[in-house]
Amino acid sequence: MSKIKIVFYLVLVFIIYKGYEAFRDFEIGVGDRLVEIEEMSDFEKKGEVIGLMMYLGDPLELKEHLLTSSKSKCLEMKQIAEETSFAYYECAQVNAVLKGGKIVRIINEIEVIE
C-alpha cells in the first residue's frame, strides 16, 4: 500500500509541476505576442527612451537616432561610432514617438548621458 501512495504522490507532484509550467509559459507567450503585434501594426506611442543621436553639419543638426536598450549599451555603441565616423554622437534620454520598436520622431531631450 505504501508503494502505491508514493507513486500517487509522485504523479500528483508531476501534474502540479506541469500545470505551473504551462501557466508560466502562457503568461510569457502573451507578452511576446503583444510586442509582436505592436511592432507589426501602425500603432505609435510616446515614451521616454534612451537613444543614440547622430549630429552632422556646421550648426549641428540631428540626422539619425537609434533606440537602445540601456545606458551602458548606448555608451558602448557611441564609442564604436565615434571611432569609425566623423559625426558627433551623444546618448540621451528623450521623449520620443515610437513605432515598431524604433524611434520615429524626437519630441525633446530630457538628459544627455555622459
Protein backbone atom coordinates (compact mmCIF):
# COMPACT_ATOMS: atom_id res chain seq x y z
CA MET A 1 0.00 0.00 0.00
CA SER A 2 2.83 2.44 0.75
CA LYS A 3 4.36 1.97 -2.72
CA ILE A 4 1.05 2.94 -4.30
CA LYS A 5 0.89 6.09 -2.15
CA ILE A 6 4.43 7.09 -3.15
CA VAL A 7 3.64 6.60 -6.84
CA PHE A 8 0.39 8.56 -6.41
CA TYR A 9 2.22 11.48 -4.73
CA LEU A 10 4.90 11.49 -7.43
CA VAL A 11 2.25 11.61 -10.15
CA LEU A 12 0.42 14.39 -8.28
CA VAL A 13 3.60 16.46 -7.93
CA PHE A 14 4.37 15.93 -11.63
CA ILE A 15 0.88 17.12 -12.64
CA ILE A 16 1.17 20.23 -10.43
CA TYR A 17 4.60 20.97 -11.90
CA LYS A 18 3.33 20.61 -15.48
CA GLY A 19 0.37 22.87 -14.69
CA TYR A 20 2.68 25.53 -13.25
CA GLU A 21 4.96 25.36 -16.31
CA ALA A 22 2.02 25.66 -18.70
CA PHE A 23 0.66 28.69 -16.82
CA ARG A 24 4.08 30.40 -16.75
CA ASP A 25 4.71 29.76 -20.46
CA PHE A 26 1.25 31.12 -21.29
CA GLU A 27 1.98 34.40 -19.46
CA ILE A 28 5.35 34.80 -21.19
CA GLY A 29 3.85 33.95 -24.57
CA VAL A 30 1.12 36.57 -24.22
CA GLY A 31 3.71 39.29 -23.51
CA ASP A 32 5.80 38.26 -26.52
CA ARG A 33 2.77 38.21 -28.81
CA LEU A 34 1.72 41.68 -27.62
CA VAL A 35 5.13 43.12 -28.51
CA GLU A 36 4.98 41.34 -31.89
CA ILE A 37 1.54 42.78 -32.65
CA GLU A 38 2.63 46.30 -31.68
CA GLU A 39 5.66 46.04 -33.97
CA MET A 40 3.58 44.84 -36.93
CA SER A 41 0.81 47.41 -36.51
CA ASP A 42 0.99 51.09 -37.37
CA PHE A 43 0.48 51.92 -33.71
CA GLU A 44 2.52 54.91 -32.50
CA LYS A 45 3.14 55.62 -28.84
CA LYS A 46 5.03 58.25 -26.88
CA GLY A 47 7.55 57.39 -24.22
CA GLU A 48 10.83 58.12 -22.51
CA VAL A 49 13.66 56.08 -24.00
CA ILE A 50 17.45 56.04 -24.28
CA GLY A 51 18.65 56.88 -27.77
CA LEU A 52 21.92 57.29 -29.65
CA MET A 53 21.81 60.57 -31.59
CA MET A 54 23.98 61.44 -34.60
CA TYR A 55 24.55 65.09 -35.46
CA LEU A 56 26.07 66.43 -38.69
CA GLY A 57 26.81 69.85 -40.15
CA ASP A 58 28.43 73.10 -39.08
CA PRO A 59 25.48 74.12 -36.99
CA LEU A 60 24.92 70.63 -35.61
CA GLU A 61 21.69 69.13 -36.89
CA LEU A 62 20.15 65.83 -35.79
CA LYS A 63 20.35 63.41 -38.72
CA GLU A 64 19.86 59.94 -37.21
CA HIS A 65 18.60 58.40 -33.97
CA LEU A 66 18.65 54.84 -32.71
CA LEU A 67 16.68 53.27 -29.86
CA THR A 68 18.93 51.46 -27.36
CA SER A 69 18.04 49.10 -24.54
CA SER A 70 20.18 50.67 -21.79
CA LYS A 71 22.59 53.47 -20.95
CA SER A 72 25.59 51.16 -20.99
CA LYS A 73 24.67 49.74 -24.42
CA CYS A 74 24.21 53.28 -25.78
CA LEU A 75 27.61 54.42 -24.46
CA GLU A 76 29.26 51.32 -25.92
CA MET A 77 27.68 51.97 -29.34
CA LYS A 78 28.65 55.66 -29.12
CA GLN A 79 32.29 54.79 -28.57
CA ILE A 80 32.34 52.44 -31.57
CA ALA A 81 30.56 55.01 -33.77
CA GLU A 82 32.98 57.81 -32.82
CA GLU A 83 35.95 55.60 -33.70
CA THR A 84 34.60 54.89 -37.18
CA SER A 85 32.91 58.19 -38.12
CA PHE A 86 33.47 61.94 -38.11
CA ALA A 87 29.95 62.78 -36.93
CA TYR A 88 29.11 63.99 -33.42
CA TYR A 89 27.29 61.38 -31.31
CA GLU A 90 25.56 61.63 -27.96
CA CYS A 91 23.49 59.35 -25.78
CA ALA A 92 20.38 60.96 -24.35
CA GLN A 93 17.21 60.18 -22.53
CA VAL A 94 14.49 61.57 -24.78
CA ASN A 95 10.74 61.86 -25.14
CA ALA A 96 10.04 60.23 -28.48
CA VAL A 97 7.33 58.82 -30.69
CA LEU A 98 7.92 55.08 -31.08
CA LYS A 99 6.60 52.79 -33.80
CA GLY A 100 7.52 49.15 -34.22
CA GLY A 101 10.40 49.27 -31.72
CA LYS A 102 12.02 52.26 -33.47
CA ILE A 103 12.20 55.97 -32.81
CA VAL A 104 10.08 57.81 -35.36
CA ARG A 105 10.42 61.36 -34.03
CA ILE A 106 12.20 63.07 -31.13
CA ILE A 107 9.90 65.35 -29.14
CA ASN A 108 12.56 66.70 -26.76
CA GLU A 109 15.78 65.73 -24.99
CA ILE A 110 15.45 65.21 -21.26
CA GLU A 111 19.02 64.44 -20.25
CA VAL A 112 22.35 63.88 -22.01
CA ILE A 113 24.13 60.77 -20.73
CA GLU A 114 27.88 61.02 -20.28
